[in-house]
């Protein structure tokens, strides 16, 4: 069962690791294509947060956001493969941060084709979050193995 679990974890994080690798290779000096694609959605998200909360969001360089997401996906994925709870938490942090920004279905009209496409991807990310929460729940519910105590032999003199 241990090998099957390992293969499942590898397959689960394959998308995270491959996208982190691709973004790392394309990063350049400005954050690469990932920063260019994220820029308009990030600006709308910051504007929505500022208007709803009434607080100015500090300026953040998008290349730093992309670098942080690469680190979260890469490190989180590698630790998750090793069955680490920290890896699952890092992937959860990444998904919780990026999902509402990238898959902003709430900015589209329901009748448009884009809405269905973006909402589908949003629900896929929710499924990934659910799988990570399931992993953490299962990991915490399994009792830790206790070291077997050696039976002491009675001494005969």
Foldseek 3Di string as FASTA:
>chain_A
DVVVVLVVLLVLLVVLLVVLVVQVVQCPDQSGPVLVLLVVLVVVVQVVCCVVVVDHDDDDRSSVVSVLSSCLSNVLSVVVSVVDLVSLVSVLVSLVPCLCRNLVLVVDDPPDPSNVVSVVVSVVSVVSNVVSVVSVVVVVVDDDDDDDDDDDDDDDD
